[in-house]
Amino acid sequence: MGRVVRAGGAGLLSALAALGGGELAAGAFRPQSSPVVVVGGTVIDLTPTPVKEFAVRTFGTSDKPILIGTIIAVLLGLALLLGLLAETGRRVPAAAGVAGLGVLGAVAAATRPASAPLDTVPSLLAALVGALTLLALTRPASPAGGRRAFLLIGAGAVAAIAGGRLLASRAPSAALVLPRPAGPARPLPAGADLRVPGLSAFVTPAAEFYRVDTALVVPRPDLDGWTLRVHGTRTIELTMADVLRRGLIERDITLACVSNEVGGPYVGNARWLGVPLATILREAGIPAGADQLLSRSADGWTGGTPVDIVMDGRDAMLAIGMNGLPLPPEHGFPARLVVPGLYGYVSATKWVVDLKLTRYAGERAYWTERGWATDAPIKTMSRIDVPAPLKRLRAGAVQVAGVAWAQHRGVAGVEVRVDGGPWHEAAPAAVPSPDTWRQWTWTWQATPGSHTLEVRATDAAGHTQQSSRVTPFPDGATGWHSVVVTVV
């Protein structure tokens, strides 16, 4: 049994050492070239859309850590088996197997959309370190020497992994100082934020703003070296200094993810600062027949936005600020797109580095290639925040409150009903523009028993939120949000 445990441990330590070498190398120059990250990105790209939707629906924002954890668990399991193989006297084939895992990572790195020439180095280094470690730990040695080797390699591997993660999370090289906007946002009207306990704040703090994307590691572009290339009738390049010299606008805009289920959390409102996209596109020149603005992020992800939407006068922008501060890394530093009225996968590309005026018939973006709708206007939706589901309440006057959104059309009214009864008009809060969500409240005279509360919104175009429940794929969920409560 001791030999079996030692062999399995040798396999596990070889995998940890390989991970340590790969993470340290990736953290030193390109975090997105981490072996785990490139393999994870490939897995995401190859996963069928229904499975991705299941992951987002089931695990929410924990889907990425779960994927990374699963990849590491599989790697460790394979390494353990290779360690046991080495114990049978097949040390060289076992070491070759460990190296082969690293080579697979290198292949994944080389085929990523935004791969750089040296992105294979971390995985190849991991392959070499893992193979040599397994050979070293499975050679004949005294028990004491074996234990010392295990301890030293284990400690070194953990230190290398931690060091690589620390390097990968380092802050950008330069701080971005935001200028005052040439076109400041309107002051929030009185009563825009009702400040009801449990109700979503009108302005969502950056730390609480939803994040749904395919990036397993947050890209951290170097601010000094960041450039936006815009391909129109001619190609222009904008540095951050160029962006800051243009007239910046500031607007309150609500974003929503197409993966948001009825009543889900993937919607938030912020004050954005940026350059009008229409200005940039006119400067580059819009080719005849161009109907798509294809945007590309620093990690190679692409989004496709209708050109006519960008150019129709709405406050579409290349955003560099969020709630009065530079964009947080998780939300697109140093620049991202914000286009009111469209779901994020066609309007909110983060870490943007490239814009191309093209045609839908010629090029397809990441999610449209996977079956999602090309045009994705946000549907009229509403949500009950207060009371919380399954809440126990006292009979009498109960405040019901929530948010509703129909970006760029605006919310005209909200209604609430109890147990399938008549609809009652809620009191909507004031809003600065039709591009934000709208808080609302209604006072319910609650009676003892179990009750179901439902909400629906009507937008300014006269369209009332659909009652039928439809899942997010391919163009956004529909349905009335409901909560069940008990009154005593």
Protein backbone atom coordinates (compact mmCIF):
# COMPACT_ATOMS: atom_id res chain seq x y z
CA MET A 1 0.00 0.00 0.00
CA GLY A 2 2.85 2.41 0.78
CA ARG A 3 4.26 2.03 -2.73
CA VAL A 4 0.85 2.63 -4.28
CA VAL A 5 0.29 5.77 -2.19
CA ARG A 6 3.79 7.01 -3.05
CA ALA A 7 3.21 6.40 -6.77
CA GLY A 8 -0.15 8.18 -6.74
CA GLY A 9 1.39 11.05 -4.79
CA ALA A 10 4.20 11.31 -7.33
CA GLY A 11 1.66 11.64 -10.10
CA LEU A 12 -0.31 14.31 -8.23
CA LEU A 13 2.84 16.26 -7.40
CA SER A 14 4.00 16.15 -11.01
CA ALA A 15 0.70 17.70 -12.04
CA LEU A 16 0.98 20.38 -9.34
CA ALA A 17 4.55 21.15 -10.40
CA ALA A 18 3.44 21.41 -14.02
CA LEU A 19 0.62 23.76 -13.04
CA GLY A 20 3.04 25.81 -10.98
CA GLY A 21 5.49 26.21 -13.85
CA GLY A 22 2.73 27.04 -16.32
CA GLU A 23 0.97 29.54 -14.03
CA LEU A 24 4.21 31.29 -13.15
CA ALA A 25 5.20 31.66 -16.80
CA ALA A 26 1.71 32.85 -17.79
CA GLY A 27 1.49 35.31 -14.92
CA ALA A 28 4.82 36.81 -15.88
CA PHE A 29 3.75 37.92 -19.36
CA ARG A 30 0.21 36.87 -20.46
CA PRO A 31 -2.28 35.57 -17.88
CA GLN A 32 -4.64 34.37 -20.60
CA SER A 33 -1.96 31.89 -21.77
CA SER A 34 -2.29 29.88 -18.54
CA PRO A 35 -2.65 26.18 -19.43
CA VAL A 36 -5.85 25.89 -17.40
CA VAL A 37 -7.29 29.02 -18.98
CA VAL A 38 -6.57 28.07 -22.61
CA VAL A 39 -7.98 24.58 -22.09
CA GLY A 40 -11.00 26.04 -20.31
CA GLY A 41 -11.57 28.54 -23.11
CA THR A 42 -11.47 25.76 -25.67
CA VAL A 43 -13.95 23.74 -23.61
CA ILE A 44 -16.30 26.75 -23.48
CA ASP A 45 -16.07 27.27 -27.24
CA LEU A 46 -16.80 23.60 -27.96
CA THR A 47 -19.65 23.26 -25.46
CA PRO A 48 -23.13 23.19 -27.07
CA THR A 49 -25.30 26.24 -26.36
CA PRO A 50 -27.93 24.35 -24.29
CA VAL A 51 -25.17 23.09 -21.97
CA LYS A 52 -23.81 26.62 -21.57
CA GLU A 53 -27.28 27.91 -20.74
CA PHE A 54 -27.69 25.13 -18.18
CA ALA A 55 -24.38 26.11 -16.58
CA VAL A 56 -25.33 29.80 -16.32
CA ARG A 57 -28.81 28.93 -15.05
CA THR A 58 -27.55 26.40 -12.50
CA PHE A 59 -24.27 27.89 -11.31
CA GLY A 60 -24.71 31.59 -12.10
CA THR A 61 -21.50 33.59 -11.75
CA SER A 62 -19.82 30.52 -10.19
CA ASP A 63 -19.73 28.76 -13.57
CA LYS A 64 -16.14 29.80 -14.31
CA PRO A 65 -14.62 28.64 -10.98
CA ILE A 66 -16.53 25.38 -11.33
CA LEU A 67 -15.16 24.84 -14.85
CA ILE A 68 -11.61 25.60 -13.74
CA GLY A 69 -12.01 23.32 -10.73
CA THR A 70 -13.30 20.53 -12.96
CA ILE A 71 -10.37 20.87 -15.36
CA ILE A 72 -7.87 20.76 -12.48
CA ALA A 73 -9.66 17.74 -10.96
CA VAL A 74 -9.50 15.86 -14.27
CA LEU A 75 -5.83 16.77 -14.66
CA LEU A 76 -5.00 15.54 -11.16
CA GLY A 77 -6.94 12.34 -11.73
CA LEU A 78 -5.06 11.59 -14.94
CA ALA A 79 -1.75 12.42 -13.27
CA LEU A 80 -2.52 10.06 -10.40
CA LEU A 81 -3.13 7.25 -12.88
CA LEU A 82 0.14 8.07 -14.66
CA GLY A 83 1.94 7.95 -11.32
CA LEU A 84 0.56 4.46 -10.74
CA LEU A 85 1.71 3.51 -14.23
CA ALA A 86 5.23 4.72 -13.40
CA GLU A 87 5.28 2.46 -10.33
CA THR A 88 4.89 -0.58 -12.61
CA GLY A 89 8.27 0.22 -14.14
CA ARG A 90 6.95 2.28 -17.05
CA ARG A 91 8.41 5.57 -15.89
CA VAL A 92 9.21 6.92 -19.35
CA PRO A 93 5.75 6.26 -20.88
CA ALA A 94 4.16 7.74 -17.75
CA ALA A 95 6.33 10.86 -17.99
CA ALA A 96 5.46 11.11 -21.68
CA GLY A 97 1.80 10.99 -20.70
CA VAL A 98 2.27 13.92 -18.31
CA ALA A 99 4.10 15.83 -21.03
CA GLY A 100 1.31 15.01 -23.46
CA LEU A 101 -1.19 16.80 -21.23
CA GLY A 102 0.97 19.91 -21.46
CA VAL A 103 1.23 19.59 -25.22
CA LEU A 104 -2.58 19.50 -25.45
CA GLY A 105 -2.57 22.78 -23.55
CA ALA A 106 -0.08 24.21 -26.04
CA VAL A 107 -2.33 23.20 -28.94
CA ALA A 108 -5.26 24.88 -27.22
CA ALA A 109 -3.15 28.01 -26.64
CA ALA A 110 -2.06 28.18 -30.28
CA THR A 111 -5.64 27.94 -31.55
CA ARG A 112 -7.27 30.55 -29.29
CA PRO A 113 -8.79 33.49 -31.22
CA ALA A 114 -6.41 36.11 -29.78
CA SER A 115 -3.33 33.91 -29.40
CA ALA A 116 0.13 35.47 -29.39
CA PRO A 117 3.30 33.76 -30.67
CA LEU A 118 4.54 32.92 -27.17
CA ASP A 119 1.22 31.70 -25.74
CA THR A 120 2.30 28.07 -26.08
CA VAL A 121 5.31 28.60 -23.80
CA PRO A 122 3.53 28.17 -20.43
CA SER A 123 1.93 24.88 -21.51
CA LEU A 124 5.18 23.56 -23.00
CA LEU A 125 7.03 24.55 -19.83
CA ALA A 126 4.34 22.78 -17.81
CA ALA A 127 4.85 19.67 -19.94
CA LEU A 128 8.61 19.68 -19.29
CA VAL A 129 8.33 20.39 -15.57
CA GLY A 130 5.63 17.76 -15.07
CA ALA A 131 7.55 15.03 -16.93
CA LEU A 132 10.85 15.73 -15.14
CA THR A 133 9.11 15.85 -11.77
CA LEU A 134 7.48 12.46 -12.28
CA LEU A 135 10.79 10.93 -13.36
CA ALA A 136 12.53 12.43 -10.33
CA LEU A 137 9.92 11.26 -7.83
CA THR A 138 9.70 7.72 -9.16
CA ARG A 139 13.42 6.96 -9.36
CA PRO A 140 14.86 4.59 -6.74
CA ALA A 141 15.56 6.59 -3.58
CA SER A 142 15.77 6.18 0.14
CA PRO A 143 12.50 6.70 2.07
CA ALA A 144 13.88 9.84 3.73
CA GLY A 145 15.10 11.25 0.42
CA GLY A 146 11.72 10.51 -1.14
CA ARG A 147 9.87 12.31 1.63
CA ARG A 148 12.14 15.33 1.39
CA ALA A 149 11.66 15.47 -2.36
CA PHE A 150 7.88 15.27 -1.99
CA LEU A 151 7.85 18.10 0.56
CA LEU A 152 10.17 20.35 -1.42
CA ILE A 153 8.40 19.83 -4.73
CA GLY A 154 4.97 20.22 -3.14
CA ALA A 155 5.93 23.47 -1.44
CA GLY A 156 7.58 24.79 -4.59
CA ALA A 157 4.55 23.93 -6.73
CA VAL A 158 2.13 25.68 -4.37
CA ALA A 159 4.42 28.73 -4.22
CA ALA A 160 4.69 28.84 -8.02
CA ILE A 161 0.91 28.62 -8.47
CA ALA A 162 0.36 31.37 -5.90
CA GLY A 163 3.06 33.51 -7.51
CA GLY A 164 1.56 33.06 -10.95
CA ARG A 165 -1.91 34.06 -9.71
CA LEU A 166 -0.45 37.10 -7.98
CA LEU A 167 1.34 38.20 -11.13
CA ALA A 168 -1.80 37.64 -13.20
CA SER A 169 -3.88 39.85 -10.90
CA ARG A 170 -1.47 42.77 -10.87
CA ALA A 171 -2.95 46.16 -11.63
CA PRO A 172 -2.52 47.83 -15.04
CA SER A 173 0.72 49.72 -15.46
CA ALA A 174 -0.82 53.20 -15.52
CA ALA A 175 -3.75 54.87 -13.82
CA LEU A 176 -6.51 56.39 -15.92
CA VAL A 177 -7.58 59.90 -14.89
CA LEU A 178 -11.06 60.69 -16.14
CA PRO A 179 -11.75 64.20 -17.44
CA ARG A 180 -14.97 66.07 -16.81
CA PRO A 181 -17.59 65.20 -19.45
CA ALA A 182 -18.40 67.68 -22.17
CA GLY A 183 -21.96 66.37 -22.00
CA PRO A 184 -22.72 65.55 -18.34
CA ALA A 185 -25.60 63.31 -17.33
CA ARG A 186 -28.85 64.90 -16.25
CA PRO A 187 -29.24 65.16 -12.46
CA LEU A 188 -31.32 62.27 -11.17
CA PRO A 189 -34.89 63.43 -10.67
CA ALA A 190 -36.21 63.50 -7.12
CA GLY A 191 -37.51 60.10 -6.12
CA ALA A 192 -35.62 58.11 -8.75
CA ASP A 193 -34.24 55.95 -5.95
CA LEU A 194 -37.02 54.99 -3.54
CA ARG A 195 -34.52 53.54 -1.03
CA VAL A 196 -36.85 50.74 0.03
CA PRO A 197 -34.94 48.11 2.08
CA GLY A 198 -34.30 45.11 -0.16
CA LEU A 199 -35.05 47.01 -3.38
CA SER A 200 -32.25 47.20 -5.96
CA ALA A 201 -30.59 50.61 -5.81
CA PHE A 202 -31.19 52.85 -8.83
CA VAL A 203 -27.43 53.01 -9.43
CA THR A 204 -25.82 49.58 -9.15
CA PRO A 205 -22.38 49.72 -7.46
CA ALA A 206 -19.64 48.34 -9.71
CA ALA A 207 -18.84 45.62 -7.17
CA GLU A 208 -22.46 44.38 -7.38
CA PHE A 209 -22.94 44.79 -11.14
CA TYR A 210 -23.54 41.48 -12.87
CA ARG A 211 -20.77 39.89 -14.89
CA VAL A 212 -21.46 37.33 -17.63
CA ASP A 213 -18.72 36.66 -20.20
CA THR A 214 -16.50 33.88 -21.51
CA ALA A 215 -13.22 35.17 -20.01
CA LEU A 216 -11.80 32.69 -17.48
CA VAL A 217 -9.10 35.25 -16.64
CA VAL A 218 -9.95 38.94 -16.68
CA PRO A 219 -7.87 40.58 -19.44
CA ARG A 220 -5.69 43.40 -18.12
CA PRO A 221 -4.54 45.39 -21.14
CA ASP A 222 -1.63 47.74 -20.64
CA LEU A 223 -3.12 51.23 -20.66
CA ASP A 224 -0.02 52.79 -22.20
CA GLY A 225 -0.06 50.29 -25.05
CA TRP A 226 -3.84 50.09 -25.55
CA THR A 227 -5.04 50.97 -29.04
CA LEU A 228 -8.49 50.81 -30.61
CA ARG A 229 -8.43 50.05 -34.32
CA VAL A 230 -11.51 51.06 -36.28
CA HIS A 231 -11.94 49.66 -39.80
CA GLY A 232 -14.32 51.64 -42.01
CA THR A 233 -13.70 53.11 -45.42
CA ARG A 234 -10.31 53.75 -43.87
CA THR A 235 -8.61 52.42 -40.76
CA ILE A 236 -7.99 54.71 -37.81
CA GLU A 237 -6.21 53.98 -34.55
CA LEU A 238 -7.10 55.64 -31.28
CA THR A 239 -4.92 55.61 -28.18
CA MET A 240 -6.40 56.44 -24.80
CA ALA A 241 -4.96 59.95 -25.13
CA ASP A 242 -6.93 60.30 -28.39
CA VAL A 243 -10.11 59.11 -26.66
CA LEU A 244 -9.66 61.53 -23.76
CA ARG A 245 -9.29 64.47 -26.16
CA ARG A 246 -12.70 63.83 -27.70
CA GLY A 247 -15.90 65.22 -26.24
CA LEU A 248 -17.02 62.71 -23.61
CA ILE A 249 -20.65 62.16 -22.67
CA GLU A 250 -22.01 60.82 -19.38
CA ARG A 251 -25.27 58.88 -19.28
CA ASP A 252 -27.30 56.64 -16.97
CA ILE A 253 -27.90 53.37 -18.85
CA THR A 254 -29.23 49.99 -17.78
CA LEU A 255 -27.59 46.86 -19.22
CA ALA A 256 -29.15 43.40 -19.31
CA CYS A 257 -27.81 39.98 -20.25
CA VAL A 258 -29.73 37.81 -22.69
CA SER A 259 -29.11 34.86 -20.33
CA ASN A 260 -31.18 36.50 -17.62
CA GLU A 261 -34.10 34.31 -16.58
CA VAL A 262 -37.42 35.85 -15.54
CA GLY A 263 -36.74 37.55 -12.21
CA GLY A 264 -33.00 36.97 -12.59
CA PRO A 265 -30.09 39.11 -11.38
CA TYR A 266 -28.28 39.78 -14.67
CA VAL A 267 -29.42 43.38 -15.07
CA GLY A 268 -27.96 46.56 -13.59
CA ASN A 269 -27.88 50.32 -14.00
CA ALA A 270 -24.78 52.53 -13.98
CA ARG A 271 -23.57 55.99 -14.97
CA TRP A 272 -21.25 55.55 -17.95
CA LEU A 273 -18.69 57.98 -19.36
CA GLY A 274 -17.43 57.69 -22.93
CA VAL A 275 -17.13 58.87 -26.52
CA PRO A 276 -20.22 58.64 -28.75
CA LEU A 277 -19.73 55.65 -31.04
CA ALA A 278 -21.38 57.44 -33.94
CA THR A 279 -18.63 60.07 -33.87
CA ILE A 280 -15.92 57.42 -34.09
CA LEU A 281 -17.63 55.55 -36.91
CA ARG A 282 -18.15 58.71 -38.95
CA GLU A 283 -14.47 59.49 -38.55
CA ALA A 284 -13.54 56.06 -39.93
CA GLY A 285 -16.18 56.27 -42.64
CA ILE A 286 -19.11 53.86 -42.97
CA PRO A 287 -18.82 51.68 -46.10
CA ALA A 288 -21.87 51.41 -48.32
CA GLY A 289 -23.94 48.40 -47.30
CA ALA A 290 -22.27 47.93 -43.92
CA ASP A 291 -24.94 46.72 -41.48
CA GLN A 292 -22.81 45.26 -38.66
CA LEU A 293 -20.31 46.75 -36.24
CA LEU A 294 -18.14 43.76 -35.37
CA SER A 295 -16.29 44.39 -32.11
CA ARG A 296 -13.41 42.33 -30.76
CA SER A 297 -12.16 42.13 -27.19
CA ALA A 298 -8.57 41.71 -26.01
CA ASP A 299 -9.18 37.97 -25.51
CA GLY A 300 -10.59 37.46 -29.00
CA TRP A 301 -14.32 37.41 -28.20
CA THR A 302 -16.53 39.12 -30.79
CA GLY A 303 -19.89 40.85 -30.74
CA GLY A 304 -22.01 42.13 -33.61
CA THR A 305 -24.07 45.34 -33.26
CA PRO A 306 -26.51 46.67 -35.89
CA VAL A 307 -24.97 49.79 -37.45
CA ASP A 308 -28.35 51.49 -37.82
CA ILE A 309 -28.91 51.16 -34.06
CA VAL A 310 -25.55 52.74 -33.26
CA MET A 311 -26.24 55.61 -35.66
CA ASP A 312 -29.92 56.33 -34.80
CA GLY A 313 -29.16 59.01 -32.20
CA ARG A 314 -29.20 56.94 -29.02
CA ASP A 315 -26.33 57.31 -26.53
CA ALA A 316 -24.22 54.43 -27.85
CA MET A 317 -20.68 54.94 -26.61
CA LEU A 318 -17.15 53.69 -26.22
CA ALA A 319 -17.21 53.80 -22.42
CA ILE A 320 -14.15 54.38 -20.25
CA GLY A 321 -15.84 55.24 -16.95
CA MET A 322 -18.44 53.66 -14.67
CA ASN A 323 -20.10 55.46 -11.75
CA GLY A 324 -17.50 58.22 -11.74
CA LEU A 325 -14.43 55.98 -11.83
CA PRO A 326 -12.41 54.20 -14.55
CA LEU A 327 -13.92 50.89 -15.60
CA PRO A 328 -13.04 48.08 -13.17
CA PRO A 329 -11.02 45.28 -14.83
CA GLU A 330 -14.02 42.92 -14.55
CA HIS A 331 -16.18 45.38 -16.47
CA GLY A 332 -13.90 46.10 -19.39
CA PHE A 333 -10.95 48.35 -18.45
CA PRO A 334 -9.80 50.39 -20.22
CA ALA A 335 -12.70 50.61 -22.70
CA ARG A 336 -15.92 48.81 -23.58
CA LEU A 337 -19.05 49.32 -25.65
CA VAL A 338 -22.37 50.44 -24.16
CA VAL A 339 -25.37 50.56 -26.52
CA PRO A 340 -28.74 51.20 -24.85
CA GLY A 341 -31.64 48.92 -25.72
CA LEU A 342 -29.78 45.78 -26.84
CA TYR A 343 -28.80 42.71 -24.86
CA GLY A 344 -25.15 42.70 -23.84
CA TYR A 345 -23.92 40.04 -26.24
CA VAL A 346 -24.55 42.41 -29.18
CA SER A 347 -23.94 45.72 -27.44
CA ALA A 348 -21.53 45.62 -24.52
CA THR A 349 -18.18 44.17 -25.64
CA LYS A 350 -15.64 44.55 -22.82
CA TRP A 351 -11.87 45.06 -23.16
CA VAL A 352 -12.55 46.23 -26.72
CA VAL A 353 -9.56 46.64 -29.04
CA ASP A 354 -11.02 46.43 -32.54
CA LEU A 355 -14.12 47.68 -34.38
CA LYS A 356 -14.95 46.69 -37.94
CA LEU A 357 -17.77 47.97 -40.13
CA THR A 358 -18.87 44.94 -42.10
CA ARG A 359 -21.89 42.90 -43.14
CA TYR A 360 -23.76 40.19 -41.24
CA ALA A 361 -23.73 38.14 -44.42
CA GLY A 362 -19.94 38.05 -44.39
CA GLU A 363 -18.96 37.68 -40.73
CA ARG A 364 -20.68 36.35 -37.64
CA ALA A 365 -19.90 37.15 -34.03
CA TYR A 366 -19.25 34.64 -31.23
CA TRP A 367 -22.80 34.07 -30.00
CA THR A 368 -24.63 34.54 -33.30
CA GLU A 369 -22.38 31.80 -34.67
CA ARG A 370 -23.85 29.60 -31.94
CA GLY A 371 -27.47 30.20 -32.80
CA TRP A 372 -28.38 33.32 -30.82
CA ALA A 373 -30.39 36.05 -32.55
CA THR A 374 -28.60 38.62 -34.69
CA ASP A 375 -30.79 41.51 -33.56
CA ALA A 376 -31.42 41.41 -29.82
CA PRO A 377 -33.60 44.27 -28.54
CA ILE A 378 -34.19 44.01 -24.81
CA LYS A 379 -37.68 42.81 -23.98
CA THR A 380 -39.99 44.62 -21.57
CA MET A 381 -39.44 43.00 -18.19
CA SER A 382 -40.08 43.53 -14.48
CA ARG A 383 -39.04 41.94 -11.22
CA ILE A 384 -40.30 41.80 -7.63
CA ASP A 385 -37.49 42.50 -5.16
CA VAL A 386 -39.64 43.02 -2.05
CA PRO A 387 -40.92 40.87 -0.42
CA ALA A 388 -38.38 38.14 -1.01
CA PRO A 389 -39.60 34.70 -2.13
CA LEU A 390 -40.96 32.51 0.70
CA LYS A 391 -40.95 35.48 3.08
CA ARG A 392 -43.22 35.29 6.16
CA LEU A 393 -45.19 38.50 6.55
CA ARG A 394 -47.63 39.98 9.03
CA ALA A 395 -51.17 40.65 7.89
CA GLY A 396 -51.98 44.24 6.99
CA ALA A 397 -50.28 46.82 4.79
CA VAL A 398 -47.27 45.29 2.99
CA GLN A 399 -45.01 47.24 0.67
CA VAL A 400 -44.32 45.41 -2.61
CA ALA A 401 -41.47 46.88 -4.67
CA GLY A 402 -39.23 46.07 -7.58
CA VAL A 403 -37.72 47.26 -10.84
CA ALA A 404 -38.88 47.24 -14.46
CA TRP A 405 -36.94 47.90 -17.66
CA ALA A 406 -37.53 48.42 -21.37
CA GLN A 407 -34.36 50.20 -22.41
CA HIS A 408 -34.67 52.93 -25.02
CA ARG A 409 -38.45 52.61 -25.04
CA GLY A 410 -38.95 53.31 -21.36
CA VAL A 411 -41.38 51.84 -18.82
CA ALA A 412 -44.80 53.52 -18.88
CA GLY A 413 -46.47 51.51 -16.14
CA VAL A 414 -46.25 48.55 -13.79
CA GLU A 415 -49.06 46.35 -12.45
CA VAL A 416 -49.19 43.81 -9.63
CA ARG A 417 -51.75 41.15 -8.83
CA VAL A 418 -52.31 38.64 -6.05
CA ASP A 419 -53.37 35.01 -6.55
CA GLY A 420 -54.44 35.58 -10.15
CA GLY A 421 -56.87 38.35 -9.22
CA PRO A 422 -57.29 41.79 -10.77
CA TRP A 423 -54.26 43.86 -11.72
CA HIS A 424 -53.42 46.89 -9.59
CA GLU A 425 -51.38 49.86 -10.80
CA ALA A 426 -48.08 50.29 -8.98
CA ALA A 427 -46.52 53.70 -8.41
CA PRO A 428 -43.47 54.06 -10.69
CA ALA A 429 -40.53 56.18 -9.61
CA ALA A 430 -39.13 59.02 -11.70
CA VAL A 431 -36.38 58.27 -14.24
CA PRO A 432 -33.83 60.46 -16.05
CA SER A 433 -34.37 58.80 -19.44
CA PRO A 434 -35.98 55.79 -21.15
CA ASP A 435 -32.58 54.04 -21.13
CA THR A 436 -32.70 53.17 -17.41
CA TRP A 437 -34.71 50.78 -15.34
CA ARG A 438 -37.52 52.12 -13.18
CA GLN A 439 -38.29 51.36 -9.56
CA TRP A 440 -41.90 50.88 -8.49
CA THR A 441 -43.96 50.24 -5.34
CA TRP A 442 -47.44 49.04 -4.45
CA THR A 443 -49.13 48.72 -1.06
CA TRP A 444 -50.90 45.40 -0.51
CA GLN A 445 -53.44 44.77 2.21
CA ALA A 446 -52.26 41.27 3.00
CA THR A 447 -54.54 38.63 4.52
CA PRO A 448 -53.43 35.41 6.27
CA GLY A 449 -52.46 32.49 4.08
CA SER A 450 -50.12 31.57 1.24
CA HIS A 451 -50.19 34.03 -1.65
CA THR A 452 -48.61 34.44 -5.08
CA LEU A 453 -47.62 37.92 -6.21
CA GLU A 454 -47.10 38.61 -9.93
CA VAL A 455 -45.85 41.67 -11.78
CA ARG A 456 -45.95 42.89 -15.37
CA ALA A 457 -44.75 46.07 -17.06
CA THR A 458 -45.93 48.05 -20.07
CA ASP A 459 -43.42 50.05 -22.11
CA ALA A 460 -43.86 53.50 -23.63
CA ALA A 461 -44.61 51.95 -27.02
CA GLY A 462 -47.70 50.30 -25.49
CA HIS A 463 -46.36 46.73 -25.39
CA THR A 464 -47.17 44.80 -22.20
CA GLN A 465 -44.81 42.18 -20.88
CA GLN A 466 -45.74 38.71 -22.14
CA SER A 467 -47.25 36.22 -19.72
CA SER A 468 -45.88 33.06 -21.37
CA ARG A 469 -42.62 31.78 -19.95
CA VAL A 470 -39.90 31.46 -22.59
CA THR A 471 -36.27 30.53 -21.87
CA PRO A 472 -33.48 32.97 -22.82
CA PHE A 473 -32.36 31.17 -26.00
CA PRO A 474 -32.28 32.55 -28.68
CA ASP A 475 -33.34 36.17 -28.01
CA GLY A 476 -34.17 36.63 -24.33
CA ALA A 477 -36.61 35.27 -21.75
CA THR A 478 -40.24 36.34 -21.35
CA GLY A 479 -42.84 35.81 -18.63
CA TRP A 480 -44.28 37.40 -15.50
CA HIS A 481 -42.12 37.25 -12.42
CA SER A 482 -43.83 35.86 -9.33
CA VAL A 483 -43.02 35.24 -5.68
CA VAL A 484 -44.82 33.13 -3.13
CA VAL A 485 -45.15 34.46 0.42
CA THR A 486 -46.88 33.41 3.62
CA VAL A 487 -48.93 35.90 5.63
CA VAL A 488 -49.58 35.20 9.33
